[in-house]
Amino acid sequence: MQHTAYRLGEYKIIEYEHGDLWWETHIGLGSSKSGKCFINGDILFIKPSDSIRPGFLKGEFLDHLKKLPKWEKTKYYCASYKIHECKSGRSKPLFGRLDGWSQHEAILNDGSTQRQTPEIRRKSVKVDTTEHISYKLDRYKITEMNNGQLFWKSPSGLGTLKKGRCHIKGSILFLEPGETEQSSLLKREFMQQLIRLPDWEKTKYFCPSYTIYYSNTGAICRSLEEEKELNGTKNIVANHKTYGAGINIKPIIVNKGDTKEKFEALFNFFKTLVMLILRLLFGCFQIVYKVSRAIISKWTRFRG
């Protein structure tokens, strides 16, 4: 069977004439593992391994990879992920088992699916309004702003919520890692509000956990947000490693007001602690003094 092989990091990607994609990589001493992969949008997803067999030594395998052309058919690749169906709300990811996803639900290269589905309603918010629309997706609240940006929220703990950005790639909604914020809503109240929202139907799948890499550099992609060139160049060099567009390296913004308040709070804490210790010492001194006087007084009367 005719096929073409490509190099992607330490993976060998094999594309057969009928369109099937497989991967292979080196493990252990003279062994290799392999499995299937698929393309959705601009991302190559590497499915879990389904076979381990004898292979080259690592050096020989890497030398073999160097002779292959680079994989350039997708901008990104993803080897660690959890993909769920939006409509079914199934809690287990699709690839929890090797045979956990039927051929009828296989994602094709163009991001569609082999099973024909009805036209998806794509109601969008008008850009010239301040409206936003919220949807229900499993335990997540997905909010679409009037500028097209997407955000998610989910209950986290007692009086807290997790929130973050979302991005659509192909037929998958990716939920970026979020941060915790305080909330007056209890989890029960949040879920009661959530069930009143319309279902999210703009993608067939969603991915709440993943790690995505750039195909050309192997660097981690920290955001799927639309990228812009930085000073007319697409790459920067840091610590002798080439990374993708500089937009993925997020600056740390320090709020000076918050820092000042933290120092004042820390100072007041230590001030209160010192005062408490002094009061305890003074109290102990008074007790010792009174006990000593009582003992001396009794001793004096006894001797007299």
Protein backbone atom coordinates (compact mmCIF):
# COMPACT_ATOMS: atom_id res chain seq x y z
CA MET A 1 0.00 0.00 0.00
CA GLN A 2 1.45 3.34 -1.03
CA HIS A 3 2.17 5.86 1.70
CA THR A 4 4.19 8.99 2.48
CA ALA A 5 6.13 9.47 5.72
CA TYR A 6 6.83 12.78 7.49
CA ARG A 7 8.86 14.01 10.47
CA LEU A 8 7.06 15.72 13.40
CA GLY A 9 9.31 16.18 16.42
CA GLU A 10 10.16 12.61 17.46
CA TYR A 11 7.08 11.24 15.69
CA LYS A 12 6.97 9.60 12.28
CA ILE A 13 3.65 10.48 10.63
CA ILE A 14 2.53 8.06 7.89
CA GLU A 15 -0.16 9.08 5.40
CA TYR A 16 -1.66 6.32 3.28
CA GLU A 17 -3.11 6.80 -0.18
CA HIS A 18 -6.71 6.46 1.06
CA GLY A 19 -6.17 9.24 3.64
CA ASP A 20 -5.59 7.27 6.86
CA LEU A 21 -2.95 8.73 9.17
CA TRP A 22 -0.72 6.78 11.56
CA TRP A 23 2.08 7.75 13.91
CA GLU A 24 5.13 5.92 15.21
CA THR A 25 7.76 6.83 17.80
CA HIS A 26 10.66 5.19 19.67
CA ILE A 27 10.34 3.87 23.24
CA GLY A 28 12.57 1.88 25.57
CA LEU A 29 15.47 -0.15 24.21
CA GLY A 30 14.92 -1.03 20.56
CA SER A 31 11.13 -0.79 20.67
CA SER A 32 8.52 1.43 19.07
CA LYS A 33 4.85 2.20 19.56
CA SER A 34 2.29 3.38 17.05
CA GLY A 35 -1.32 4.40 16.65
CA LYS A 36 -3.78 6.38 14.59
CA CYS A 37 -4.07 10.14 14.24
CA PHE A 38 -6.60 12.49 12.69
CA ILE A 39 -6.84 16.11 11.57
CA ASN A 40 -9.46 18.53 12.83
CA GLY A 41 -9.23 22.13 11.69
CA ASP A 42 -5.53 23.01 11.78
CA ILE A 43 -4.57 20.48 14.47
CA LEU A 44 -3.19 16.96 14.13
CA PHE A 45 -4.49 14.83 17.02
CA ILE A 46 -2.36 11.85 18.01
CA LYS A 47 -4.57 9.07 19.40
CA PRO A 48 -3.37 6.65 22.14
CA SER A 49 -1.00 3.88 21.08
CA ASP A 50 -2.57 0.60 20.01
CA SER A 51 0.58 -1.46 19.40
CA ILE A 52 4.14 -1.89 20.67
CA ARG A 53 6.68 -3.82 18.65
CA PRO A 54 10.45 -4.23 18.20
CA GLY A 55 12.07 -1.35 16.34
CA PHE A 56 15.25 0.64 15.84
CA LEU A 57 17.56 1.85 18.55
CA LYS A 58 16.77 5.46 19.42
CA GLY A 59 19.77 6.87 17.54
CA GLU A 60 18.90 4.88 14.43
CA PHE A 61 15.26 5.95 14.63
CA LEU A 62 16.20 9.64 14.93
CA ASP A 63 18.63 9.32 12.01
CA HIS A 64 15.80 7.79 9.99
CA LEU A 65 13.51 10.70 10.93
CA LYS A 66 16.05 13.28 9.73
CA LYS A 67 15.78 11.92 6.20
CA LEU A 68 12.01 12.52 6.09
CA PRO A 69 10.29 15.76 5.05
CA LYS A 70 8.78 17.89 7.82
CA TRP A 71 5.09 17.61 8.56
CA GLU A 72 3.53 20.88 7.34
CA LYS A 73 -0.11 19.92 6.77
CA THR A 74 -1.27 21.34 10.12
CA LYS A 75 -0.02 24.31 12.14
CA TYR A 76 -0.42 22.47 15.45
CA TYR A 77 -0.36 18.96 16.87
CA CYS A 78 -1.85 17.58 20.08
CA ALA A 79 -0.81 14.35 21.83
CA SER A 80 -2.54 14.87 25.20
CA TYR A 81 -6.22 15.78 25.27
CA LYS A 82 -9.74 14.90 26.38
CA ILE A 83 -12.45 15.40 23.78
CA HIS A 84 -16.13 15.17 24.73
CA GLU A 85 -19.33 15.27 22.70
CA CYS A 86 -21.32 18.46 23.27
CA LYS A 87 -24.80 17.10 22.61
CA SER A 88 -24.66 13.89 24.62
CA GLY A 89 -22.94 15.49 27.61
CA ARG A 90 -21.05 12.23 28.14
CA SER A 91 -18.61 12.56 31.02
CA LYS A 92 -16.04 10.17 29.59
CA PRO A 93 -13.76 11.44 26.82
CA LEU A 94 -14.21 9.93 23.37
CA PHE A 95 -10.86 8.16 23.41
CA GLY A 96 -11.13 6.70 26.89
CA ARG A 97 -10.80 3.28 25.24
CA LEU A 98 -9.09 2.44 21.98
CA ASP A 99 -12.40 1.37 20.45
CA GLY A 100 -14.40 4.00 22.31
CA TRP A 101 -15.28 6.00 19.18
CA SER A 102 -17.10 4.32 16.32
CA GLN A 103 -16.08 4.77 12.72
CA HIS A 104 -19.34 6.67 12.13
CA GLU A 105 -18.18 9.41 14.47
CA ALA A 106 -14.65 9.76 13.09
CA ILE A 107 -13.58 13.36 12.49
CA LEU A 108 -12.57 13.98 8.89
CA ASN A 109 -9.79 16.20 7.66
CA ASP A 110 -12.17 19.05 6.88
CA GLY A 111 -13.51 19.09 10.43
CA SER A 112 -16.90 17.57 9.54
CA THR A 113 -18.13 14.12 10.51
CA GLN A 114 -19.07 11.07 8.53
CA ARG A 115 -22.53 11.00 10.10
CA GLN A 116 -24.73 13.64 8.49
CA THR A 117 -26.10 16.13 11.00
CA PRO A 118 -28.76 18.83 10.69
CA GLU A 119 -27.77 22.38 9.97
CA ILE A 120 -26.41 23.90 13.18
CA ARG A 121 -28.06 27.10 14.29
CA ARG A 122 -25.33 29.73 14.41
CA LYS A 123 -27.00 32.65 16.11
CA SER A 124 -24.37 35.32 16.66
CA VAL A 125 -24.37 38.54 18.61
CA LYS A 126 -24.48 41.73 16.60
CA VAL A 127 -21.21 43.62 16.78
CA ASP A 128 -22.91 47.01 17.14
CA THR A 129 -24.65 46.05 20.39
CA THR A 130 -23.49 45.45 23.94
CA GLU A 131 -25.36 42.17 24.09
CA HIS A 132 -23.89 38.80 24.92
CA ILE A 133 -25.39 35.33 24.70
CA SER A 134 -24.78 32.53 27.18
CA TYR A 135 -25.08 28.79 26.57
CA LYS A 136 -25.03 25.59 28.60
CA LEU A 137 -22.32 23.02 27.88
CA ASP A 138 -22.17 20.18 30.40
CA ARG A 139 -21.18 21.98 33.65
CA TYR A 140 -19.79 25.00 31.78
CA LYS A 141 -21.45 28.33 31.02
CA ILE A 142 -20.22 29.50 27.60
CA THR A 143 -20.62 33.24 26.93
CA GLU A 144 -20.28 34.79 23.47
CA MET A 145 -19.52 38.51 23.59
CA ASN A 146 -20.63 41.02 20.96
CA ASN A 147 -17.10 41.04 19.48
CA GLY A 148 -17.15 37.27 18.96
CA GLN A 149 -14.91 36.39 21.91
CA LEU A 150 -15.88 33.32 23.91
CA PHE A 151 -15.53 32.74 27.65
CA TRP A 152 -16.36 29.87 30.00
CA LYS A 153 -17.30 29.64 33.66
CA SER A 154 -17.74 26.64 35.94
CA PRO A 155 -18.25 26.12 39.70
CA SER A 156 -14.97 25.49 41.49
CA GLY A 157 -15.38 25.44 45.25
CA LEU A 158 -17.12 27.17 48.13
CA GLY A 159 -17.90 30.69 46.92
CA THR A 160 -15.57 30.47 43.91
CA LEU A 161 -15.81 29.99 40.14
CA LYS A 162 -13.29 29.05 37.49
CA LYS A 163 -13.27 31.16 34.31
CA GLY A 164 -11.26 31.36 31.12
CA ARG A 165 -11.24 31.91 27.35
CA CYS A 166 -12.59 29.55 24.65
CA HIS A 167 -11.63 29.16 21.01
CA ILE A 168 -13.17 27.20 18.16
CA LYS A 169 -10.86 25.18 15.91
CA GLY A 170 -12.50 22.97 13.33
CA SER A 171 -15.48 21.27 15.00
CA ILE A 172 -14.02 21.48 18.54
CA LEU A 173 -14.47 24.14 21.23
CA PHE A 174 -11.23 24.40 23.24
CA LEU A 175 -11.49 25.63 26.83
CA GLU A 176 -8.24 27.33 27.78
CA PRO A 177 -6.87 26.92 31.33
CA GLY A 178 -8.75 29.26 33.66
CA GLU A 179 -8.32 31.17 36.88
CA THR A 180 -10.35 31.26 40.10
CA GLU A 181 -12.56 34.19 41.08
CA GLN A 182 -14.77 34.87 44.09
CA SER A 183 -18.51 34.51 43.56
CA SER A 184 -21.63 35.18 45.62
CA LEU A 185 -23.34 32.23 43.91
CA LEU A 186 -23.40 28.83 45.52
CA LYS A 187 -22.79 25.84 43.27
CA ARG A 188 -26.47 24.89 43.47
CA GLU A 189 -27.53 28.41 42.42
CA PHE A 190 -25.02 28.42 39.55
CA MET A 191 -26.33 25.09 38.25
CA GLN A 192 -29.94 26.29 38.55
CA GLN A 193 -29.12 29.28 36.36
CA LEU A 194 -27.14 27.08 33.99
CA ILE A 195 -29.99 24.68 33.20
CA ARG A 196 -32.15 27.62 32.03
CA LEU A 197 -29.68 28.48 29.25
CA PRO A 198 -29.92 27.16 25.66
CA ASP A 199 -27.59 24.30 24.73
CA TRP A 200 -24.29 25.04 23.03
CA GLU A 201 -24.65 23.83 19.43
CA LYS A 202 -21.93 25.70 17.53
CA THR A 203 -19.48 22.79 17.72
CA LYS A 204 -20.01 19.03 17.88
CA TYR A 205 -17.19 18.49 20.39
CA PHE A 206 -15.44 20.32 23.23
CA CYS A 207 -12.00 19.84 24.76
CA PRO A 208 -11.51 20.98 28.39
CA SER A 209 -8.03 19.51 28.82
CA TYR A 210 -5.23 19.52 26.26
CA THR A 211 -1.65 20.45 25.40
CA ILE A 212 -1.07 21.82 21.90
CA TYR A 213 2.30 22.29 20.20
CA TYR A 214 3.45 24.16 17.10
CA SER A 215 4.26 21.69 14.35
CA ASN A 216 7.21 23.69 13.01
CA THR A 217 9.01 24.34 16.34
CA GLY A 218 7.61 21.89 18.89
CA ALA A 219 7.02 24.75 21.33
CA ILE A 220 3.86 24.77 23.45
CA CYS A 221 1.03 26.92 22.11
CA ARG A 222 -0.31 28.75 25.16
CA SER A 223 -3.31 30.33 23.41
CA LEU A 224 -5.35 29.48 20.32
CA GLU A 225 -6.33 33.14 19.99
CA GLU A 226 -5.87 34.62 16.53
CA GLU A 227 -2.13 35.28 16.23
CA LYS A 228 -0.50 38.48 15.06
CA GLU A 229 3.03 38.98 13.89
CA LEU A 230 5.33 40.61 16.40
CA ASN A 231 7.34 43.44 14.84
CA GLY A 232 7.02 41.85 11.43
CA THR A 233 8.47 38.51 12.51
CA LYS A 234 6.74 35.29 13.50
CA ASN A 235 9.41 33.77 15.73
CA ILE A 236 11.47 34.89 18.67
CA VAL A 237 14.38 33.16 20.37
CA ALA A 238 14.49 32.62 24.12
CA ASN A 239 16.94 30.43 26.05
CA HIS A 240 18.30 29.13 22.72
CA LYS A 241 14.89 27.63 21.84
CA THR A 242 12.68 28.88 19.05
CA TYR A 243 9.11 29.57 20.02
CA GLY A 244 6.04 30.52 18.00
CA ALA A 245 4.59 34.00 17.76
CA GLY A 246 5.39 36.18 20.75
CA ILE A 247 1.71 36.46 21.58
CA ASN A 248 2.01 33.09 23.30
CA ILE A 249 4.42 34.43 25.91
CA LYS A 250 2.09 36.29 28.25
CA PRO A 251 3.61 39.16 30.27
CA ILE A 252 3.12 39.20 34.02
CA ILE A 253 1.32 42.41 34.97
CA VAL A 254 1.98 43.60 38.50
CA ASN A 255 -0.61 45.84 40.10
CA LYS A 256 1.31 48.25 42.33
CA GLY A 257 -1.80 49.13 44.34
CA ASP A 258 -2.39 45.49 45.20
CA THR A 259 1.27 45.04 46.19
CA LYS A 260 1.13 48.04 48.53
CA GLU A 261 -2.03 46.74 50.19
CA LYS A 262 -0.40 43.32 50.68
CA PHE A 263 2.64 44.92 52.40
CA GLU A 264 0.37 46.99 54.65
CA ALA A 265 -1.65 43.93 55.59
CA LEU A 266 1.55 41.98 56.34
CA PHE A 267 2.91 44.86 58.47
CA ASN A 268 -0.33 45.10 60.47
CA PHE A 269 -0.28 41.33 61.04
CA PHE A 270 3.24 41.38 62.49
CA LYS A 271 2.43 44.49 64.54
CA THR A 272 -0.57 42.76 66.08
CA LEU A 273 1.50 39.61 66.70
CA VAL A 274 4.23 41.56 68.52
CA MET A 275 1.69 43.38 70.69
CA LEU A 276 0.05 40.08 71.60
CA ILE A 277 3.39 38.55 72.58
CA LEU A 278 4.27 41.59 74.74
CA ARG A 279 0.91 41.44 76.48
CA LEU A 280 1.39 37.75 77.20
CA LEU A 281 4.88 38.37 78.61
CA PHE A 282 3.60 41.25 80.75
CA GLY A 283 0.76 39.09 82.05
CA CYS A 284 3.19 36.27 82.90
CA PHE A 285 5.45 38.77 84.71
CA GLN A 286 2.52 40.03 86.80
CA ILE A 287 1.55 36.49 87.77
CA VAL A 288 5.14 35.63 88.78
CA TYR A 289 5.40 38.87 90.78
CA LYS A 290 2.18 38.26 92.68
CA VAL A 291 3.06 34.63 93.43
CA SER A 292 6.54 35.66 94.63
CA ARG A 293 5.09 38.31 96.99
CA ALA A 294 2.62 35.82 98.40
CA ILE A 295 5.36 33.27 99.07
CA ILE A 296 7.63 35.86 100.68
CA SER A 297 4.77 37.14 102.86
CA LYS A 298 3.93 33.66 104.12
CA TRP A 299 7.55 32.86 104.74
CA THR A 300 8.00 36.08 106.74
CA ARG A 301 4.97 35.33 108.94
CA PHE A 302 6.18 31.75 109.44
CA ARG A 303 9.64 32.91 110.59
CA GLY A 304 8.16 35.62 112.84
